[in-house]
Amino acid sequence: MALTADQYVQRVEDKLLRQVFSPDNIRNLSYDHVNDGIAAFLAGHAFLWALDDDASAVNTIAIASGEYIVAMPTGTLEIRSIERWSSQTPGSGDTQAGKLREKSLEWLSYRYPNLPSQVTGRPRWWTRSKYGQILIAPPSDGVYYIHVRRTLIPAALVTASSTVSIIPDQYDQAVIAYAVGAGFEVLRQYDAAQVWMKKFENWRGLAILEDKSAPDLEFTGEGYQGPGATPSVTPDNYWELPEYRGDPST
């Protein structure tokens, strides 16, 4: 079972051989370091085990004809995949269903230099625009539903609470390593801090590798292209391939 804040802090202090206080000698910084470690572990990769409830209504967003900006549900940390549906609860007969392909903002800007004036169509691509928003292209030619697989910003653990971390117990050591490293930084023991932060990165890297080998949430049989996906080599004729410039038949 994952640990509570107090359990994390006790293990951190056992490794530091002391408590780490804030400059006012009142607040124990280890609690902040633990929460920072959990956030750092979850940031940058949408772990399968951390995805929000797929049946949650807030993860299915209606878009109207002509729309190209989609507001993410509140509290979104990372996006694993985005699907296009023709109804809120699609069945096997949903001929409009498909997974949107993630592209860089540079790619979308090159292919669709002025989204508001582009010819509409079935949304095929998406990219992050800014915090809380994504862009889709081409602009929608009708009413669709965008279904988001996402992880949430973790709730902070607090002292004397029975609430446990979202991190699975096999990765508790990663959070502890981060908090210990942060503690050594406060103590200005930078060599020790670097050692423990490296341990954190190793644990997190292992978790990502294990996650990428797990069955993904596929909808149209397309391989996972989101955060943490193995990058492919960019071909020399990148902009000329239908794969990248969009299929003119759809």
C-alpha atoms as a PDB file:
ATOM      1  CA  MET A   1       0.000   0.000   0.000  1.00  0.00           C
ATOM      2  CA  ALA A   2       1.226   3.498  -0.829  1.00  0.00           C
ATOM      3  CA  LEU A   3       2.367   5.664   2.052  1.00  0.00           C
ATOM      4  CA  THR A   4       0.817   8.587   3.890  1.00  0.00           C
ATOM      5  CA  ALA A   5       2.678  11.886   4.269  1.00  0.00           C
ATOM      6  CA  ASP A   6       3.790  11.001   7.816  1.00  0.00           C
ATOM      7  CA  GLN A   7       5.097   7.606   6.712  1.00  0.00           C
ATOM      8  CA  TYR A   8       7.038   9.162   3.855  1.00  0.00           C
ATOM      9  CA  VAL A   9       8.520  11.806   6.139  1.00  0.00           C
ATOM     10  CA  GLN A  10       9.590   9.256   8.740  1.00  0.00           C
ATOM     11  CA  ARG A  11      11.491   7.294   6.086  1.00  0.00           C
ATOM     12  CA  VAL A  12      13.016  10.461   4.674  1.00  0.00           C
ATOM     13  CA  GLU A  13      14.222  11.580   8.098  1.00  0.00           C
ATOM     14  CA  ASP A  14      15.630   8.119   8.795  1.00  0.00           C
ATOM     15  CA  LYS A  15      17.831   8.500   5.709  1.00  0.00           C
ATOM     16  CA  LEU A  16      18.722  12.136   6.433  1.00  0.00           C
ATOM     17  CA  LEU A  17      19.452  11.269  10.100  1.00  0.00           C
ATOM     18  CA  ARG A  18      17.650  14.477  11.101  1.00  0.00           C
ATOM     19  CA  GLN A  19      14.598  16.642  10.524  1.00  0.00           C
ATOM     20  CA  VAL A  20      14.770  19.439   7.980  1.00  0.00           C
ATOM     21  CA  PHE A  21      13.111  22.634   9.128  1.00  0.00           C
ATOM     22  CA  SER A  22      12.219  25.834   7.341  1.00  0.00           C
ATOM     23  CA  PRO A  23      14.194  28.973   8.281  1.00  0.00           C
ATOM     24  CA  ASP A  24      11.646  29.814  10.995  1.00  0.00           C
ATOM     25  CA  ASN A  25      12.355  26.417  12.624  1.00  0.00           C
ATOM     26  CA  ILE A  26       8.647  25.625  12.702  1.00  0.00           C
ATOM     27  CA  ARG A  27       7.576  23.887   9.508  1.00  0.00           C
ATOM     28  CA  ASN A  28       9.129  20.575   8.523  1.00  0.00           C
ATOM     29  CA  LEU A  29      10.249  20.945   4.914  1.00  0.00           C
ATOM     30  CA  SER A  30      10.132  17.187   4.344  1.00  0.00           C
ATOM     31  CA  TYR A  31       6.374  17.362   3.829  1.00  0.00           C
ATOM     32  CA  ASP A  32       6.857  19.845   0.985  1.00  0.00           C
ATOM     33  CA  HIS A  33       9.657  17.727  -0.461  1.00  0.00           C
ATOM     34  CA  VAL A  34       7.447  14.629  -0.445  1.00  0.00           C
ATOM     35  CA  ASN A  35       4.672  16.422  -2.313  1.00  0.00           C
ATOM     36  CA  ASP A  36       7.184  17.886  -4.755  1.00  0.00           C
ATOM     37  CA  GLY A  37       8.496  14.360  -5.342  1.00  0.00           C
ATOM     38  CA  ILE A  38       5.027  13.003  -6.102  1.00  0.00           C
ATOM     39  CA  ALA A  39       4.367  15.872  -8.515  1.00  0.00           C
ATOM     40  CA  ALA A  40       7.756  15.404 -10.214  1.00  0.00           C
ATOM     41  CA  PHE A  41       7.144  11.674 -10.578  1.00  0.00           C
ATOM     42  CA  LEU A  42       3.778  12.201 -12.291  1.00  0.00           C
ATOM     43  CA  ALA A  43       4.770  15.170 -14.467  1.00  0.00           C
ATOM     44  CA  GLY A  44       5.720  14.614 -18.096  1.00  0.00           C
ATOM     45  CA  HIS A  45       4.202  11.145 -18.541  1.00  0.00           C
ATOM     46  CA  ALA A  46       0.581  10.031 -18.407  1.00  0.00           C
ATOM     47  CA  PHE A  47       0.917   6.745 -16.532  1.00  0.00           C
ATOM     48  CA  LEU A  48      -1.766   4.171 -17.303  1.00  0.00           C
ATOM     49  CA  TRP A  49      -2.323   3.427 -13.609  1.00  0.00           C
ATOM     50  CA  ALA A  50      -2.776   7.133 -12.844  1.00  0.00           C
ATOM     51  CA  LEU A  51      -5.427   7.911 -15.479  1.00  0.00           C
ATOM     52  CA  ASP A  52      -8.614   9.566 -14.334  1.00  0.00           C
ATOM     53  CA  ASP A  53     -11.830   7.542 -14.376  1.00  0.00           C
ATOM     54  CA  ASP A  54     -12.521   6.928 -18.051  1.00  0.00           C
ATOM     55  CA  ALA A  55     -16.262   7.022 -17.415  1.00  0.00           C
ATOM     56  CA  SER A  56     -16.123  10.480 -15.858  1.00  0.00           C
ATOM     57  CA  ALA A  57     -18.419  12.826 -17.785  1.00  0.00           C
ATOM     58  CA  VAL A  58     -15.909  15.697 -17.643  1.00  0.00           C
ATOM     59  CA  ASN A  59     -13.493  13.715 -19.826  1.00  0.00           C
ATOM     60  CA  THR A  60     -15.860  13.839 -22.819  1.00  0.00           C
ATOM     61  CA  ILE A  61     -16.093  17.336 -24.283  1.00  0.00           C
ATOM     62  CA  ALA A  62     -18.598  18.489 -26.913  1.00  0.00           C
ATOM     63  CA  ILE A  63     -17.228  20.589 -29.768  1.00  0.00           C
ATOM     64  CA  ALA A  64     -19.341  22.557 -32.238  1.00  0.00           C
ATOM     65  CA  SER A  65     -18.897  23.110 -35.942  1.00  0.00           C
ATOM     66  CA  GLY A  66     -15.962  25.401 -36.683  1.00  0.00           C
ATOM     67  CA  GLU A  67     -14.300  24.953 -33.294  1.00  0.00           C
ATOM     68  CA  TYR A  68     -10.558  24.389 -33.055  1.00  0.00           C
ATOM     69  CA  ILE A  69      -9.820  25.265 -29.411  1.00  0.00           C
ATOM     70  CA  VAL A  70     -10.740  22.757 -26.709  1.00  0.00           C
ATOM     71  CA  ALA A  71     -10.564  23.607 -23.020  1.00  0.00           C
ATOM     72  CA  MET A  72      -9.128  20.776 -20.962  1.00  0.00           C
ATOM     73  CA  PRO A  73     -11.080  19.545 -17.932  1.00  0.00           C
ATOM     74  CA  THR A  74     -10.016  21.222 -14.698  1.00  0.00           C
ATOM     75  CA  GLY A  75      -7.039  19.656 -12.969  1.00  0.00           C
ATOM     76  CA  THR A  76      -5.462  18.042 -16.054  1.00  0.00           C
ATOM     77  CA  LEU A  77      -1.788  17.207 -15.525  1.00  0.00           C
ATOM     78  CA  GLU A  78      -0.902  15.090 -18.576  1.00  0.00           C
ATOM     79  CA  ILE A  79      -2.746  13.755 -21.620  1.00  0.00           C
ATOM     80  CA  ARG A  80      -2.241  10.181 -22.773  1.00  0.00           C
ATOM     81  CA  SER A  81      -4.536  10.157 -25.780  1.00  0.00           C
ATOM     82  CA  ILE A  82      -7.506  11.961 -27.339  1.00  0.00           C
ATOM     83  CA  GLU A  83     -10.323  10.345 -29.269  1.00  0.00           C
ATOM     84  CA  ARG A  84     -12.993  11.761 -31.590  1.00  0.00           C
ATOM     85  CA  TRP A  85     -16.528  10.429 -31.121  1.00  0.00           C
ATOM     86  CA  SER A  86     -19.779  11.253 -32.861  1.00  0.00           C
ATOM     87  CA  SER A  87     -21.812  10.774 -29.666  1.00  0.00           C
ATOM     88  CA  GLN A  88     -21.168  10.910 -25.943  1.00  0.00           C
ATOM     89  CA  THR A  89     -21.360   7.127 -25.682  1.00  0.00           C
ATOM     90  CA  PRO A  90     -20.166   5.674 -29.007  1.00  0.00           C
ATOM     91  CA  GLY A  91     -20.796   2.088 -29.991  1.00  0.00           C
ATOM     92  CA  SER A  92     -19.268  -0.152 -32.615  1.00  0.00           C
ATOM     93  CA  GLY A  93     -21.267   1.644 -35.298  1.00  0.00           C
ATOM     94  CA  ASP A  94     -19.606   5.001 -34.687  1.00  0.00           C
ATOM     95  CA  THR A  95     -18.037   5.524 -38.115  1.00  0.00           C
ATOM     96  CA  GLN A  96     -16.632   8.905 -37.053  1.00  0.00           C
ATOM     97  CA  ALA A  97     -14.658   7.486 -34.135  1.00  0.00           C
ATOM     98  CA  GLY A  98     -10.895   7.689 -34.260  1.00  0.00           C
ATOM     99  CA  LYS A  99      -7.831   8.609 -32.265  1.00  0.00           C
ATOM    100  CA  LEU A 100      -6.420  12.076 -32.868  1.00  0.00           C
ATOM    101  CA  ARG A 101      -2.692  12.124 -33.591  1.00  0.00           C
ATOM    102  CA  GLU A 102      -0.541  14.325 -31.395  1.00  0.00           C
ATOM    103  CA  LYS A 103       1.635  16.829 -33.269  1.00  0.00           C
ATOM    104  CA  SER A 104       3.945  19.614 -32.221  1.00  0.00           C
ATOM    105  CA  LEU A 105       2.713  23.203 -32.190  1.00  0.00           C
ATOM    106  CA  GLU A 106       5.285  23.932 -34.912  1.00  0.00           C
ATOM    107  CA  TRP A 107       3.830  21.185 -37.129  1.00  0.00           C
ATOM    108  CA  LEU A 108       0.278  22.428 -36.645  1.00  0.00           C
ATOM    109  CA  SER A 109       1.331  26.027 -37.335  1.00  0.00           C
ATOM    110  CA  TYR A 110       3.054  24.936 -40.555  1.00  0.00           C
ATOM    111  CA  ARG A 111       0.197  22.747 -41.795  1.00  0.00           C
ATOM    112  CA  TYR A 112      -2.599  25.069 -40.602  1.00  0.00           C
ATOM    113  CA  PRO A 113      -1.094  28.579 -40.520  1.00  0.00           C
ATOM    114  CA  ASN A 114      -4.430  30.265 -39.771  1.00  0.00           C
ATOM    115  CA  LEU A 115      -6.796  27.847 -38.080  1.00  0.00           C
ATOM    116  CA  PRO A 116      -9.857  30.159 -38.027  1.00  0.00           C
ATOM    117  CA  SER A 117      -9.787  30.412 -41.834  1.00  0.00           C
ATOM    118  CA  GLN A 118      -8.963  26.775 -42.615  1.00  0.00           C
ATOM    119  CA  VAL A 119     -11.374  24.465 -44.429  1.00  0.00           C
ATOM    120  CA  THR A 120     -13.261  22.429 -41.853  1.00  0.00           C
ATOM    121  CA  GLY A 121     -13.144  18.655 -41.614  1.00  0.00           C
ATOM    122  CA  ARG A 122     -13.116  15.800 -39.166  1.00  0.00           C
ATOM    123  CA  PRO A 123     -10.564  16.684 -36.452  1.00  0.00           C
ATOM    124  CA  ARG A 124      -7.450  14.543 -36.969  1.00  0.00           C
ATOM    125  CA  TRP A 125      -4.596  16.213 -35.072  1.00  0.00           C
ATOM    126  CA  TRP A 126      -4.080  17.872 -31.716  1.00  0.00           C
ATOM    127  CA  THR A 127      -1.417  19.790 -29.867  1.00  0.00           C
ATOM    128  CA  ARG A 128      -1.082  21.736 -26.634  1.00  0.00           C
ATOM    129  CA  SER A 129      -1.751  25.426 -27.067  1.00  0.00           C
ATOM    130  CA  LYS A 130      -1.237  26.702 -23.539  1.00  0.00           C
ATOM    131  CA  TYR A 131      -2.041  25.540 -20.048  1.00  0.00           C
ATOM    132  CA  GLY A 132      -5.597  24.272 -19.973  1.00  0.00           C
ATOM    133  CA  GLN A 133      -6.129  24.280 -23.747  1.00  0.00           C
ATOM    134  CA  ILE A 134      -5.402  22.203 -26.825  1.00  0.00           C
ATOM    135  CA  LEU A 135      -5.730  22.996 -30.506  1.00  0.00           C
ATOM    136  CA  ILE A 136      -7.388  20.551 -32.897  1.00  0.00           C
ATOM    137  CA  ALA A 137      -7.097  20.511 -36.674  1.00  0.00           C
ATOM    138  CA  PRO A 138      -8.731  20.817 -39.026  1.00  0.00           C
ATOM    139  CA  PRO A 139     -11.466  22.928 -37.430  1.00  0.00           C
ATOM    140  CA  SER A 140     -14.512  20.775 -36.803  1.00  0.00           C
ATOM    141  CA  ASP A 141     -16.966  20.338 -39.687  1.00  0.00           C
ATOM    142  CA  GLY A 142     -19.772  19.381 -37.320  1.00  0.00           C
ATOM    143  CA  VAL A 143     -20.634  18.365 -33.789  1.00  0.00           C
ATOM    144  CA  TYR A 144     -18.235  15.836 -32.258  1.00  0.00           C
ATOM    145  CA  TYR A 145     -17.132  14.735 -28.831  1.00  0.00           C
ATOM    146  CA  ILE A 146     -13.498  14.815 -27.795  1.00  0.00           C
ATOM    147  CA  HIS A 147     -12.703  12.106 -25.252  1.00  0.00           C
ATOM    148  CA  VAL A 148      -9.559  12.678 -23.195  1.00  0.00           C
ATOM    149  CA  ARG A 149      -7.433  10.092 -21.388  1.00  0.00           C
ATOM    150  CA  ARG A 150      -5.664  12.153 -18.744  1.00  0.00           C
ATOM    151  CA  THR A 151      -3.923  12.197 -15.405  1.00  0.00           C
ATOM    152  CA  LEU A 152      -4.787  14.704 -12.704  1.00  0.00           C
ATOM    153  CA  ILE A 153      -2.737  17.171 -10.674  1.00  0.00           C
ATOM    154  CA  PRO A 154      -2.155  15.208  -7.451  1.00  0.00           C
ATOM    155  CA  ALA A 155      -3.734  16.386  -4.230  1.00  0.00           C
ATOM    156  CA  ALA A 156      -1.123  17.373  -1.654  1.00  0.00           C
ATOM    157  CA  LEU A 157      -0.591  14.984   1.247  1.00  0.00           C
ATOM    158  CA  VAL A 158      -0.724  16.610   4.668  1.00  0.00           C
ATOM    159  CA  THR A 159       0.546  15.636   8.079  1.00  0.00           C
ATOM    160  CA  ALA A 160      -1.614  13.463  10.333  1.00  0.00           C
ATOM    161  CA  SER A 161      -3.848  12.437   7.424  1.00  0.00           C
ATOM    162  CA  SER A 162      -4.711   8.848   6.497  1.00  0.00           C
ATOM    163  CA  THR A 163      -4.799   9.792   2.795  1.00  0.00           C
ATOM    164  CA  VAL A 164      -2.186   7.866   0.830  1.00  0.00           C
ATOM    165  CA  SER A 165      -0.215   8.836  -2.241  1.00  0.00           C
ATOM    166  CA  ILE A 166      -1.445   7.978  -5.728  1.00  0.00           C
ATOM    167  CA  ILE A 167       2.000   6.492  -6.436  1.00  0.00           C
ATOM    168  CA  PRO A 168       1.925   2.644  -6.390  1.00  0.00           C
ATOM    169  CA  ASP A 169       3.858   1.109  -3.523  1.00  0.00           C
ATOM    170  CA  GLN A 170       6.551  -0.309  -5.817  1.00  0.00           C
ATOM    171  CA  TYR A 171       7.555   3.287  -6.625  1.00  0.00           C
ATOM    172  CA  ASP A 172       7.439   4.711  -3.102  1.00  0.00           C
ATOM    173  CA  GLN A 173      11.236   4.667  -3.079  1.00  0.00           C
ATOM    174  CA  ALA A 174      11.248   7.213  -5.899  1.00  0.00           C
ATOM    175  CA  VAL A 175       9.310   9.750  -3.824  1.00  0.00           C
ATOM    176  CA  ILE A 176      11.540   9.084  -0.820  1.00  0.00           C
ATOM    177  CA  ALA A 177      14.661   9.526  -2.953  1.00  0.00           C
ATOM    178  CA  TYR A 178      13.417  12.886  -4.243  1.00  0.00           C
ATOM    179  CA  ALA A 179      12.553  14.135  -0.760  1.00  0.00           C
ATOM    180  CA  VAL A 180      15.904  12.983   0.641  1.00  0.00           C
ATOM    181  CA  GLY A 181      17.728  14.699  -2.218  1.00  0.00           C
ATOM    182  CA  ALA A 182      15.800  17.910  -1.612  1.00  0.00           C
ATOM    183  CA  GLY A 183      16.590  17.639   2.090  1.00  0.00           C
ATOM    184  CA  PHE A 184      20.310  17.332   1.434  1.00  0.00           C
ATOM    185  CA  GLU A 185      20.113  20.383  -0.837  1.00  0.00           C
ATOM    186  CA  VAL A 186      18.640  22.414   2.014  1.00  0.00           C
ATOM    187  CA  LEU A 187      21.496  21.167   4.200  1.00  0.00           C
ATOM    188  CA  ARG A 188      23.929  22.223   1.431  1.00  0.00           C
ATOM    189  CA  GLN A 189      25.254  18.705   1.077  1.00  0.00           C
ATOM    190  CA  TYR A 190      25.134  18.890  -2.674  1.00  0.00           C
ATOM    191  CA  ASP A 191      27.037  15.706  -3.530  1.00  0.00           C
ATOM    192  CA  ALA A 192      24.632  13.641  -1.455  1.00  0.00           C
ATOM    193  CA  ALA A 193      21.700  15.534  -2.958  1.00  0.00           C
ATOM    194  CA  GLN A 194      22.869  14.703  -6.469  1.00  0.00           C
ATOM    195  CA  VAL A 195      23.177  10.998  -5.625  1.00  0.00           C
ATOM    196  CA  TRP A 196      19.615  10.841  -4.318  1.00  0.00           C
ATOM    197  CA  MET A 197      18.153  12.855  -7.190  1.00  0.00           C
ATOM    198  CA  LYS A 198      19.830  10.416  -9.584  1.00  0.00           C
ATOM    199  CA  LYS A 199      18.132   7.574  -7.713  1.00  0.00           C
ATOM    200  CA  PHE A 200      14.813   9.365  -8.200  1.00  0.00           C
ATOM    201  CA  GLU A 201      15.405   9.711 -11.945  1.00  0.00           C
ATOM    202  CA  ASN A 202      16.333   6.031 -12.203  1.00  0.00           C
ATOM    203  CA  TRP A 203      13.171   4.941 -10.389  1.00  0.00           C
ATOM    204  CA  ARG A 204      11.028   7.217 -12.537  1.00  0.00           C
ATOM    205  CA  GLY A 205      12.707   6.004 -15.727  1.00  0.00           C
ATOM    206  CA  LEU A 206      11.988   2.399 -14.733  1.00  0.00           C
ATOM    207  CA  ALA A 207       8.340   3.261 -14.060  1.00  0.00           C
ATOM    208  CA  ILE A 208       7.987   4.850 -17.509  1.00  0.00           C
ATOM    209  CA  LEU A 209       9.561   1.829 -19.218  1.00  0.00           C
ATOM    210  CA  GLU A 210       7.206  -0.512 -17.384  1.00  0.00           C
ATOM    211  CA  ASP A 211       4.236   1.690 -18.241  1.00  0.00           C
ATOM    212  CA  LYS A 212       5.127   1.761 -21.934  1.00  0.00           C
ATOM    213  CA  SER A 213       5.247  -2.047 -21.998  1.00  0.00           C
ATOM    214  CA  ALA A 214       1.745  -2.309 -20.513  1.00  0.00           C
ATOM    215  CA  PRO A 215      -1.334  -2.641 -22.738  1.00  0.00           C
ATOM    216  CA  ASP A 216      -2.404   0.819 -23.828  1.00  0.00           C
ATOM    217  CA  LEU A 217      -5.931   2.159 -24.097  1.00  0.00           C
ATOM    218  CA  GLU A 218      -6.363   1.726 -27.836  1.00  0.00           C
ATOM    219  CA  PHE A 219      -9.447   2.778 -29.740  1.00  0.00           C
ATOM    220  CA  THR A 220      -8.528   2.419 -33.396  1.00  0.00           C
ATOM    221  CA  GLY A 221      -5.482   0.195 -33.175  1.00  0.00           C
ATOM    222  CA  GLU A 222      -3.030   3.061 -33.518  1.00  0.00           C
ATOM    223  CA  GLY A 223       0.155   2.995 -31.464  1.00  0.00           C
ATOM    224  CA  TYR A 224       0.545   5.331 -28.509  1.00  0.00           C
ATOM    225  CA  GLN A 225       2.010   8.690 -29.581  1.00  0.00           C
ATOM    226  CA  GLY A 226       1.729  10.681 -26.353  1.00  0.00           C
ATOM    227  CA  PRO A 227       4.207  11.723 -23.638  1.00  0.00           C
ATOM    228  CA  GLY A 228       6.886   9.104 -23.095  1.00  0.00           C
ATOM    229  CA  ALA A 229       6.407   7.438 -26.480  1.00  0.00           C
ATOM    230  CA  THR A 230       9.589   6.305 -28.216  1.00  0.00           C
ATOM    231  CA  PRO A 231      10.384   9.020 -30.778  1.00  0.00           C
ATOM    232  CA  SER A 232      10.713   7.968 -34.407  1.00  0.00           C
ATOM    233  CA  VAL A 233      13.271   9.326 -36.826  1.00  0.00           C
ATOM    234  CA  THR A 234      11.937  12.314 -38.766  1.00  0.00           C
ATOM    235  CA  PRO A 235      12.147  11.606 -42.522  1.00  0.00           C
ATOM    236  CA  ASP A 236      13.875  14.086 -44.816  1.00  0.00           C
ATOM    237  CA  ASN A 237      10.640  14.654 -46.771  1.00  0.00           C
ATOM    238  CA  TYR A 238       8.651  15.199 -43.577  1.00  0.00           C
ATOM    239  CA  TRP A 239       6.324  17.825 -45.007  1.00  0.00           C
ATOM    240  CA  GLU A 240       5.608  15.930 -48.221  1.00  0.00           C
ATOM    241  CA  LEU A 241       4.305  12.673 -46.743  1.00  0.00           C
ATOM    242  CA  PRO A 242       0.523  12.148 -46.482  1.00  0.00           C
ATOM    243  CA  GLU A 243       1.170  10.767 -43.009  1.00  0.00           C
ATOM    244  CA  TYR A 244       2.195  14.242 -41.906  1.00  0.00           C
ATOM    245  CA  ARG A 245       0.389  16.660 -44.219  1.00  0.00           C
ATOM    246  CA  GLY A 246      -2.996  15.000 -43.770  1.00  0.00           C
ATOM    247  CA  ASP A 247      -4.891  12.486 -45.845  1.00  0.00           C
ATOM    248  CA  PRO A 248      -6.717  14.411 -48.632  1.00  0.00           C
ATOM    249  CA  SER A 249      -9.252  11.610 -48.997  1.00  0.00           C
ATOM    250  CA  THR A 250     -10.872  12.344 -45.615  1.00  0.00           C
END
